[in-house]
Amino acid sequence: MGFGVHARTVDGAALCRMFNRAIRGQYGMPNYLSSDNDPLYRFHQWQANLRILKVIEIKTIPYVPLSHPFVERQIGTLRREYFDHMLFWTTADLENKLLDFRTYFNHHRTHTSREGRTPDTPTSRPPANLRSFRWQPHCRALYQTPVAA
């Protein structure tokens, strides 16, 4: 999980800078990125940045936020557990507080789906092979989510 903060109107170049800054210092380069259909993600600079970084973008289905439930859950968690109880004054202040939340989320907050472990704790199960996946339909095939095949 990474965060990017920008004080003015976001364009393709600003989006690339925010993404590159957000993934810097992570455990490894992400292989996949979940994004919606915002016009920002169609900028030439953004597409070129992903090609250079060898990151595959997986888009949500238009107007169906449930097509990427993990992203929606992360945003909801951030709002409920952090933004509802915190003020920020500048972009630098917001970025520092988001980095603090990332540390809390990955190193201290337990997760029910991980049997009470934190995300940085290794699991006994091997990770899913994301190179081989299929689309699983939900709600009478209104939307689909990728699952390991």
N, C-alpha and C. Protein backbone atom coordinates (compact mmCIF):
# COMPACT_ATOMS: atom_id res chain seq x y z
N MET A 1 0.85 -1.16 0.00
CA MET A 1 0.00 0.00 0.00
C MET A 1 0.90 1.23 0.00
N GLY A 2 0.62 2.15 -0.90
CA GLY A 2 1.38 3.39 -0.96
C GLY A 2 0.44 4.56 -1.17
N PHE A 3 0.93 5.74 -0.87
CA PHE A 3 0.11 6.94 -1.00
C PHE A 3 0.86 7.99 -1.78
N GLY A 4 0.12 8.78 -2.55
CA GLY A 4 0.68 9.92 -3.25
C GLY A 4 -0.16 11.14 -2.94
N VAL A 5 0.48 12.27 -2.69
CA VAL A 5 -0.22 13.50 -2.36
C VAL A 5 0.24 14.59 -3.32
N HIS A 6 -0.72 15.35 -3.84
CA HIS A 6 -0.41 16.44 -4.77
C HIS A 6 -1.37 17.58 -4.47
N ALA A 7 -0.87 18.81 -4.35
CA ALA A 7 -1.68 19.94 -3.91
C ALA A 7 -2.52 20.57 -5.02
N ARG A 8 -2.15 20.41 -6.26
CA ARG A 8 -2.85 21.10 -7.34
C ARG A 8 -3.55 20.09 -8.25
N THR A 9 -4.01 20.57 -9.39
CA THR A 9 -4.66 19.70 -10.35
C THR A 9 -3.70 18.59 -10.80
N VAL A 10 -4.19 17.38 -10.81
CA VAL A 10 -3.35 16.23 -11.16
C VAL A 10 -3.42 16.00 -12.67
N ASP A 11 -2.26 15.92 -13.30
CA ASP A 11 -2.17 15.56 -14.72
C ASP A 11 -1.33 14.29 -14.82
N GLY A 12 -1.04 13.86 -16.04
CA GLY A 12 -0.29 12.62 -16.24
C GLY A 12 1.06 12.61 -15.57
N ALA A 13 1.80 13.72 -15.70
CA ALA A 13 3.14 13.78 -15.10
C ALA A 13 3.06 13.75 -13.57
N ALA A 14 2.10 14.48 -13.00
CA ALA A 14 1.94 14.49 -11.54
C ALA A 14 1.52 13.11 -11.04
N LEU A 15 0.66 12.43 -11.78
CA LEU A 15 0.23 11.09 -11.40
C LEU A 15 1.42 10.13 -11.37
N CYS A 16 2.29 10.22 -12.37
CA CYS A 16 3.49 9.37 -12.42
C CYS A 16 4.40 9.65 -11.22
N ARG A 17 4.60 10.93 -10.91
CA ARG A 17 5.45 11.28 -9.77
C ARG A 17 4.87 10.74 -8.47
N MET A 18 3.56 10.89 -8.28
CA MET A 18 2.93 10.39 -7.06
C MET A 18 3.05 8.87 -6.96
N PHE A 19 2.81 8.17 -8.06
CA PHE A 19 2.91 6.71 -8.05
C PHE A 19 4.33 6.25 -7.76
N ASN A 20 5.28 6.85 -8.45
CA ASN A 20 6.68 6.45 -8.25
C ASN A 20 7.14 6.74 -6.83
N ARG A 21 6.69 7.85 -6.28
CA ARG A 21 7.05 8.17 -4.90
C ARG A 21 6.37 7.21 -3.91
N ALA A 22 5.13 6.81 -4.23
CA ALA A 22 4.39 5.92 -3.33
C ALA A 22 4.99 4.53 -3.28
N ILE A 23 5.54 4.05 -4.40
CA ILE A 23 6.10 2.69 -4.40
C ILE A 23 7.55 2.65 -3.98
N ARG A 24 8.19 3.81 -3.91
CA ARG A 24 9.59 3.85 -3.48
C ARG A 24 9.67 3.40 -2.02
N GLY A 25 10.61 2.56 -1.72
CA GLY A 25 10.78 2.08 -0.35
C GLY A 25 9.88 0.91 -0.01
N GLN A 26 9.10 0.41 -0.97
CA GLN A 26 8.27 -0.77 -0.73
C GLN A 26 9.17 -2.00 -0.71
N TYR A 27 8.60 -3.14 -0.34
CA TYR A 27 9.37 -4.38 -0.29
C TYR A 27 9.83 -4.80 -1.68
N GLY A 28 9.08 -4.48 -2.67
CA GLY A 28 9.43 -4.82 -4.05
C GLY A 28 8.52 -4.08 -4.99
N MET A 29 8.89 -4.06 -6.24
CA MET A 29 8.07 -3.39 -7.24
C MET A 29 6.78 -4.18 -7.43
N PRO A 30 5.62 -3.49 -7.45
CA PRO A 30 4.38 -4.23 -7.67
C PRO A 30 4.32 -4.76 -9.09
N ASN A 31 3.73 -5.93 -9.25
CA ASN A 31 3.54 -6.50 -10.59
C ASN A 31 2.23 -6.03 -11.19
N TYR A 32 1.25 -5.75 -10.33
CA TYR A 32 -0.08 -5.37 -10.78
C TYR A 32 -0.53 -4.12 -10.05
N LEU A 33 -1.40 -3.35 -10.72
CA LEU A 33 -1.98 -2.15 -10.14
C LEU A 33 -3.46 -2.16 -10.43
N SER A 34 -4.26 -1.98 -9.41
CA SER A 34 -5.70 -1.91 -9.58
C SER A 34 -6.09 -0.44 -9.71
N SER A 35 -6.78 -0.09 -10.80
CA SER A 35 -7.19 1.30 -11.00
C SER A 35 -8.60 1.35 -11.56
N ASP A 36 -9.21 2.51 -11.44
CA ASP A 36 -10.55 2.67 -12.00
C ASP A 36 -10.43 3.26 -13.41
N ASN A 37 -11.53 3.76 -13.94
CA ASN A 37 -11.55 4.25 -15.32
C ASN A 37 -11.46 5.76 -15.40
N ASP A 38 -10.86 6.37 -14.41
CA ASP A 38 -10.66 7.82 -14.44
C ASP A 38 -9.83 8.20 -15.66
N PRO A 39 -10.16 9.31 -16.32
CA PRO A 39 -9.38 9.74 -17.48
C PRO A 39 -7.90 9.94 -17.19
N LEU A 40 -7.54 10.18 -15.93
CA LEU A 40 -6.12 10.33 -15.59
C LEU A 40 -5.29 9.12 -16.00
N TYR A 41 -5.89 7.94 -15.91
CA TYR A 41 -5.16 6.72 -16.20
C TYR A 41 -5.02 6.45 -17.70
N ARG A 42 -5.51 7.38 -18.53
CA ARG A 42 -5.32 7.25 -19.98
C ARG A 42 -4.24 8.18 -20.50
N PHE A 43 -3.64 9.00 -19.63
CA PHE A 43 -2.57 9.90 -20.05
C PHE A 43 -1.40 9.09 -20.62
N HIS A 44 -0.79 9.61 -21.67
CA HIS A 44 0.35 8.94 -22.30
C HIS A 44 1.48 8.73 -21.29
N GLN A 45 1.75 9.75 -20.45
CA GLN A 45 2.84 9.62 -19.48
C GLN A 45 2.57 8.47 -18.51
N TRP A 46 1.33 8.32 -18.09
CA TRP A 46 0.97 7.27 -17.15
C TRP A 46 1.18 5.89 -17.78
N GLN A 47 0.69 5.71 -19.00
CA GLN A 47 0.84 4.43 -19.70
C GLN A 47 2.32 4.10 -19.92
N ALA A 48 3.10 5.11 -20.30
CA ALA A 48 4.54 4.90 -20.51
C ALA A 48 5.24 4.54 -19.21
N ASN A 49 4.86 5.19 -18.12
CA ASN A 49 5.44 4.91 -16.81
C ASN A 49 5.20 3.45 -16.42
N LEU A 50 3.99 2.97 -16.61
CA LEU A 50 3.69 1.57 -16.26
C LEU A 50 4.47 0.60 -17.15
N ARG A 51 4.61 0.93 -18.44
CA ARG A 51 5.39 0.06 -19.33
C ARG A 51 6.85 -0.01 -18.89
N ILE A 52 7.42 1.14 -18.54
CA ILE A 52 8.83 1.18 -18.11
C ILE A 52 9.02 0.38 -16.82
N LEU A 53 8.06 0.51 -15.89
CA LEU A 53 8.15 -0.19 -14.61
C LEU A 53 7.70 -1.66 -14.70
N LYS A 54 7.16 -2.04 -15.86
CA LYS A 54 6.65 -3.40 -16.08
C LYS A 54 5.55 -3.76 -15.08
N VAL A 55 4.61 -2.82 -14.90
CA VAL A 55 3.47 -3.00 -14.02
C VAL A 55 2.23 -3.18 -14.90
N ILE A 56 1.46 -4.22 -14.63
CA ILE A 56 0.24 -4.49 -15.38
C ILE A 56 -0.93 -3.83 -14.66
N GLU A 57 -1.69 -3.02 -15.39
CA GLU A 57 -2.83 -2.31 -14.81
C GLU A 57 -4.09 -3.13 -15.02
N ILE A 58 -4.81 -3.38 -13.93
CA ILE A 58 -6.09 -4.09 -13.98
C ILE A 58 -7.17 -3.06 -13.67
N LYS A 59 -8.03 -2.80 -14.63
CA LYS A 59 -9.06 -1.76 -14.49
C LYS A 59 -10.34 -2.33 -13.90
N THR A 60 -11.05 -1.48 -13.19
CA THR A 60 -12.37 -1.85 -12.69
C THR A 60 -13.37 -1.78 -13.84
N ILE A 61 -14.51 -2.38 -13.63
CA ILE A 61 -15.60 -2.27 -14.59
C ILE A 61 -16.22 -0.89 -14.38
N PRO A 62 -16.48 -0.13 -15.46
CA PRO A 62 -17.03 1.22 -15.30
C PRO A 62 -18.32 1.24 -14.48
N TYR A 63 -18.38 2.17 -13.54
CA TYR A 63 -19.54 2.42 -12.68
C TYR A 63 -19.87 1.25 -11.74
N VAL A 64 -18.93 0.33 -11.53
CA VAL A 64 -19.13 -0.80 -10.62
C VAL A 64 -17.95 -0.85 -9.66
N PRO A 65 -17.97 -0.05 -8.59
CA PRO A 65 -16.83 -0.05 -7.67
C PRO A 65 -16.59 -1.40 -7.00
N LEU A 66 -17.60 -2.25 -6.94
CA LEU A 66 -17.42 -3.56 -6.32
C LEU A 66 -16.59 -4.51 -7.15
N SER A 67 -16.20 -4.10 -8.36
CA SER A 67 -15.39 -5.00 -9.18
C SER A 67 -13.97 -5.12 -8.65
N HIS A 68 -13.56 -4.22 -7.78
CA HIS A 68 -12.28 -4.33 -7.08
C HIS A 68 -12.53 -4.09 -5.59
N PRO A 69 -13.12 -5.08 -4.91
CA PRO A 69 -13.55 -4.87 -3.53
C PRO A 69 -12.42 -4.60 -2.56
N PHE A 70 -11.20 -5.11 -2.84
CA PHE A 70 -10.10 -4.91 -1.90
C PHE A 70 -9.68 -3.44 -1.86
N VAL A 71 -9.71 -2.78 -3.00
CA VAL A 71 -9.38 -1.35 -3.05
C VAL A 71 -10.44 -0.56 -2.31
N GLU A 72 -11.72 -0.87 -2.55
CA GLU A 72 -12.80 -0.17 -1.87
C GLU A 72 -12.72 -0.39 -0.37
N ARG A 73 -12.38 -1.59 0.05
CA ARG A 73 -12.24 -1.89 1.48
C ARG A 73 -11.10 -1.08 2.09
N GLN A 74 -9.97 -0.97 1.36
CA GLN A 74 -8.83 -0.21 1.85
C GLN A 74 -9.19 1.26 2.02
N ILE A 75 -9.90 1.82 1.05
CA ILE A 75 -10.31 3.22 1.14
C ILE A 75 -11.25 3.42 2.32
N GLY A 76 -12.20 2.50 2.49
CA GLY A 76 -13.12 2.59 3.63
C GLY A 76 -12.41 2.49 4.96
N THR A 77 -11.45 1.58 5.07
CA THR A 77 -10.67 1.44 6.30
C THR A 77 -9.90 2.71 6.59
N LEU A 78 -9.28 3.27 5.59
CA LEU A 78 -8.52 4.51 5.77
C LEU A 78 -9.43 5.64 6.25
N ARG A 79 -10.61 5.74 5.66
CA ARG A 79 -11.55 6.79 6.09
C ARG A 79 -12.03 6.56 7.53
N ARG A 80 -12.51 5.35 7.81
CA ARG A 80 -13.08 5.07 9.13
C ARG A 80 -12.05 5.14 10.25
N GLU A 81 -10.90 4.52 10.04
CA GLU A 81 -9.93 4.39 11.12
C GLU A 81 -8.98 5.57 11.22
N TYR A 82 -8.95 6.42 10.22
CA TYR A 82 -7.93 7.47 10.25
C TYR A 82 -8.49 8.86 9.96
N PHE A 83 -9.05 9.06 8.77
CA PHE A 83 -9.49 10.40 8.39
C PHE A 83 -10.63 10.92 9.25
N ASP A 84 -11.48 10.04 9.77
CA ASP A 84 -12.58 10.49 10.63
C ASP A 84 -12.09 11.01 11.98
N HIS A 85 -10.82 10.77 12.33
CA HIS A 85 -10.30 11.14 13.64
C HIS A 85 -9.07 12.04 13.56
N MET A 86 -8.75 12.58 12.39
CA MET A 86 -7.48 13.27 12.22
C MET A 86 -7.66 14.50 11.34
N LEU A 87 -6.89 15.53 11.67
CA LEU A 87 -6.84 16.74 10.84
C LEU A 87 -5.46 16.83 10.21
N PHE A 88 -5.38 17.45 9.05
CA PHE A 88 -4.08 17.72 8.44
C PHE A 88 -4.10 19.16 7.93
N TRP A 89 -2.93 19.77 7.86
CA TRP A 89 -2.86 21.19 7.54
C TRP A 89 -2.20 21.48 6.19
N THR A 90 -1.23 20.69 5.80
CA THR A 90 -0.55 20.90 4.53
C THR A 90 -0.41 19.55 3.82
N THR A 91 0.03 19.59 2.57
CA THR A 91 0.24 18.33 1.86
C THR A 91 1.35 17.52 2.51
N ALA A 92 2.38 18.19 3.01
CA ALA A 92 3.47 17.48 3.69
C ALA A 92 2.95 16.81 4.97
N ASP A 93 2.10 17.52 5.70
CA ASP A 93 1.51 16.97 6.92
C ASP A 93 0.65 15.75 6.58
N LEU A 94 -0.18 15.87 5.54
CA LEU A 94 -1.02 14.74 5.12
C LEU A 94 -0.16 13.55 4.70
N GLU A 95 0.88 13.80 3.92
CA GLU A 95 1.73 12.71 3.46
C GLU A 95 2.41 12.00 4.63
N ASN A 96 2.90 12.76 5.61
CA ASN A 96 3.52 12.14 6.79
C ASN A 96 2.52 11.30 7.57
N LYS A 97 1.29 11.79 7.70
CA LYS A 97 0.28 11.04 8.43
C LYS A 97 -0.14 9.78 7.67
N LEU A 98 -0.18 9.86 6.34
CA LEU A 98 -0.49 8.66 5.55
C LEU A 98 0.62 7.62 5.66
N LEU A 99 1.86 8.07 5.69
CA LEU A 99 2.98 7.13 5.88
C LEU A 99 2.91 6.47 7.25
N ASP A 100 2.51 7.25 8.27
CA ASP A 100 2.32 6.66 9.61
C ASP A 100 1.22 5.61 9.58
N PHE A 101 0.12 5.90 8.85
CA PHE A 101 -0.96 4.93 8.74
C PHE A 101 -0.49 3.67 8.03
N ARG A 102 0.32 3.81 6.98
CA ARG A 102 0.84 2.64 6.27
C ARG A 102 1.66 1.77 7.20
N THR A 103 2.51 2.39 8.02
CA THR A 103 3.31 1.63 8.98
C THR A 103 2.41 0.90 9.97
N TYR A 104 1.41 1.62 10.50
CA TYR A 104 0.46 1.00 11.42
C TYR A 104 -0.27 -0.16 10.75
N PHE A 105 -0.77 0.05 9.54
CA PHE A 105 -1.57 -0.96 8.83
C PHE A 105 -0.75 -2.21 8.53
N ASN A 106 0.48 -2.04 8.10
CA ASN A 106 1.30 -3.18 7.69
C ASN A 106 2.03 -3.87 8.83
N HIS A 107 2.33 -3.16 9.92
CA HIS A 107 3.17 -3.74 10.97
C HIS A 107 2.46 -3.98 12.30
N HIS A 108 1.33 -3.31 12.54
CA HIS A 108 0.72 -3.41 13.87
C HIS A 108 -0.75 -3.83 13.85
N ARG A 109 -1.49 -3.45 12.83
CA ARG A 109 -2.93 -3.75 12.78
C ARG A 109 -3.14 -5.20 12.37
N THR A 110 -3.85 -5.95 13.21
CA THR A 110 -4.11 -7.35 12.88
C THR A 110 -5.27 -7.44 11.88
N HIS A 111 -5.26 -8.51 11.09
CA HIS A 111 -6.26 -8.70 10.04
C HIS A 111 -6.94 -10.05 10.22
N THR A 112 -8.26 -10.03 10.26
CA THR A 112 -9.02 -11.26 10.45
C THR A 112 -8.75 -12.26 9.34
N SER A 113 -8.65 -11.79 8.10
CA SER A 113 -8.44 -12.71 6.98
C SER A 113 -7.06 -13.36 7.02
N ARG A 114 -6.17 -12.83 7.84
CA ARG A 114 -4.82 -13.41 7.97
C ARG A 114 -4.67 -14.10 9.33
N GLU A 115 -5.80 -14.56 9.88
CA GLU A 115 -5.81 -15.25 11.17
C GLU A 115 -5.17 -14.43 12.28
N GLY A 116 -5.44 -13.12 12.29
CA GLY A 116 -4.94 -12.26 13.35
C GLY A 116 -3.51 -11.78 13.18
N ARG A 117 -2.89 -12.08 12.05
CA ARG A 117 -1.52 -11.62 11.80
C ARG A 117 -1.54 -10.29 11.07
N THR A 118 -0.40 -9.63 11.06
CA THR A 118 -0.26 -8.39 10.31
C THR A 118 0.23 -8.71 8.90
N PRO A 119 0.05 -7.79 7.93
CA PRO A 119 0.47 -8.07 6.55
C PRO A 119 1.96 -8.35 6.39
N ASP A 120 2.81 -7.83 7.27
CA ASP A 120 4.24 -8.09 7.09
C ASP A 120 4.68 -9.43 7.69
N THR A 121 3.76 -10.14 8.35
CA THR A 121 4.06 -11.46 8.90
C THR A 121 3.88 -12.51 7.80
N PRO A 122 4.88 -13.35 7.57
CA PRO A 122 4.72 -14.37 6.52
C PRO A 122 3.63 -15.37 6.87
N THR A 123 2.97 -15.89 5.85
CA THR A 123 1.94 -16.89 6.06
C THR A 123 2.51 -18.28 5.82
N SER A 124 1.78 -19.28 6.28
CA SER A 124 2.22 -20.65 6.06
C SER A 124 1.83 -21.12 4.65
N ARG A 125 0.85 -20.46 4.05
CA ARG A 125 0.41 -20.83 2.70
C ARG A 125 1.27 -20.13 1.66
N PRO A 126 1.54 -20.79 0.54
CA PRO A 126 2.28 -20.10 -0.52
C PRO A 126 1.40 -19.03 -1.17
N PRO A 127 1.99 -17.96 -1.67
CA PRO A 127 1.19 -16.93 -2.32
C PRO A 127 0.54 -17.45 -3.60
N ALA A 128 -0.60 -16.88 -3.94
CA ALA A 128 -1.31 -17.28 -5.15
C ALA A 128 -0.49 -16.90 -6.38
N ASN A 129 -0.55 -17.73 -7.39
CA ASN A 129 0.14 -17.44 -8.64
C ASN A 129 -0.74 -16.50 -9.47
N LEU A 130 -0.37 -15.24 -9.53
CA LEU A 130 -1.17 -14.25 -10.24
C LEU A 130 -0.90 -14.23 -11.73
N ARG A 131 0.05 -15.01 -12.18
CA ARG A 131 0.29 -15.08 -13.62
C ARG A 131 -0.79 -15.91 -14.31
N SER A 132 -1.45 -16.74 -13.54
CA SER A 132 -2.53 -17.57 -14.07
C SER A 132 -3.79 -17.25 -13.27
N PHE A 133 -4.71 -16.53 -13.90
CA PHE A 133 -5.94 -16.18 -13.20
C PHE A 133 -7.12 -16.32 -14.15
N ARG A 134 -8.30 -16.35 -13.56
CA ARG A 134 -9.54 -16.38 -14.34
C ARG A 134 -10.48 -15.34 -13.73
N TRP A 135 -11.51 -15.00 -14.47
CA TRP A 135 -12.48 -14.02 -13.99
C TRP A 135 -13.66 -14.76 -13.38
N GLN A 136 -13.99 -14.44 -12.13
CA GLN A 136 -15.11 -15.07 -11.45
C GLN A 136 -16.29 -14.11 -11.46
N PRO A 137 -17.43 -14.52 -12.05
CA PRO A 137 -18.59 -13.62 -12.10
C PRO A 137 -19.29 -13.54 -10.74
N HIS A 138 -19.89 -12.39 -10.48
CA HIS A 138 -20.66 -12.14 -9.26
C HIS A 138 -21.95 -11.43 -9.63
N CYS A 139 -22.95 -11.54 -8.78
CA CYS A 139 -24.24 -10.85 -8.96
C CYS A 139 -24.79 -11.07 -10.37
N ARG A 140 -25.00 -12.32 -10.70
CA ARG A 140 -25.53 -12.70 -12.02
C ARG A 140 -24.68 -12.14 -13.15
N ALA A 141 -23.38 -12.19 -12.97
CA ALA A 141 -22.39 -11.76 -13.96
C ALA A 141 -22.43 -10.26 -14.23
N LEU A 142 -22.95 -9.48 -13.27
CA LEU A 142 -22.93 -8.03 -13.42
C LEU A 142 -21.51 -7.51 -13.41
N TYR A 143 -20.67 -8.11 -12.57
CA TYR A 143 -19.25 -7.76 -12.56
C TYR A 143 -18.44 -9.01 -12.28
N GLN A 144 -17.13 -8.92 -12.54
CA GLN A 144 -16.23 -10.06 -12.36
C GLN A 144 -14.99 -9.60 -11.61
N THR A 145 -14.43 -10.51 -10.84
CA THR A 145 -13.17 -10.23 -10.15
C THR A 145 -12.15 -11.29 -10.54
N PRO A 146 -10.87 -10.91 -10.60
CA PRO A 146 -9.85 -11.91 -10.93
C PRO A 146 -9.57 -12.80 -9.73
N VAL A 147 -9.45 -14.10 -9.97
CA VAL A 147 -9.08 -15.07 -8.93
C VAL A 147 -8.01 -15.99 -9.50
N ALA A 148 -7.17 -16.51 -8.62
CA ALA A 148 -6.11 -17.42 -9.06
C ALA A 148 -6.73 -18.67 -9.67
N ALA A 149 -6.20 -19.10 -10.80
CA ALA A 149 -6.75 -20.28 -11.49
C ALA A 149 -6.07 -21.54 -11.00
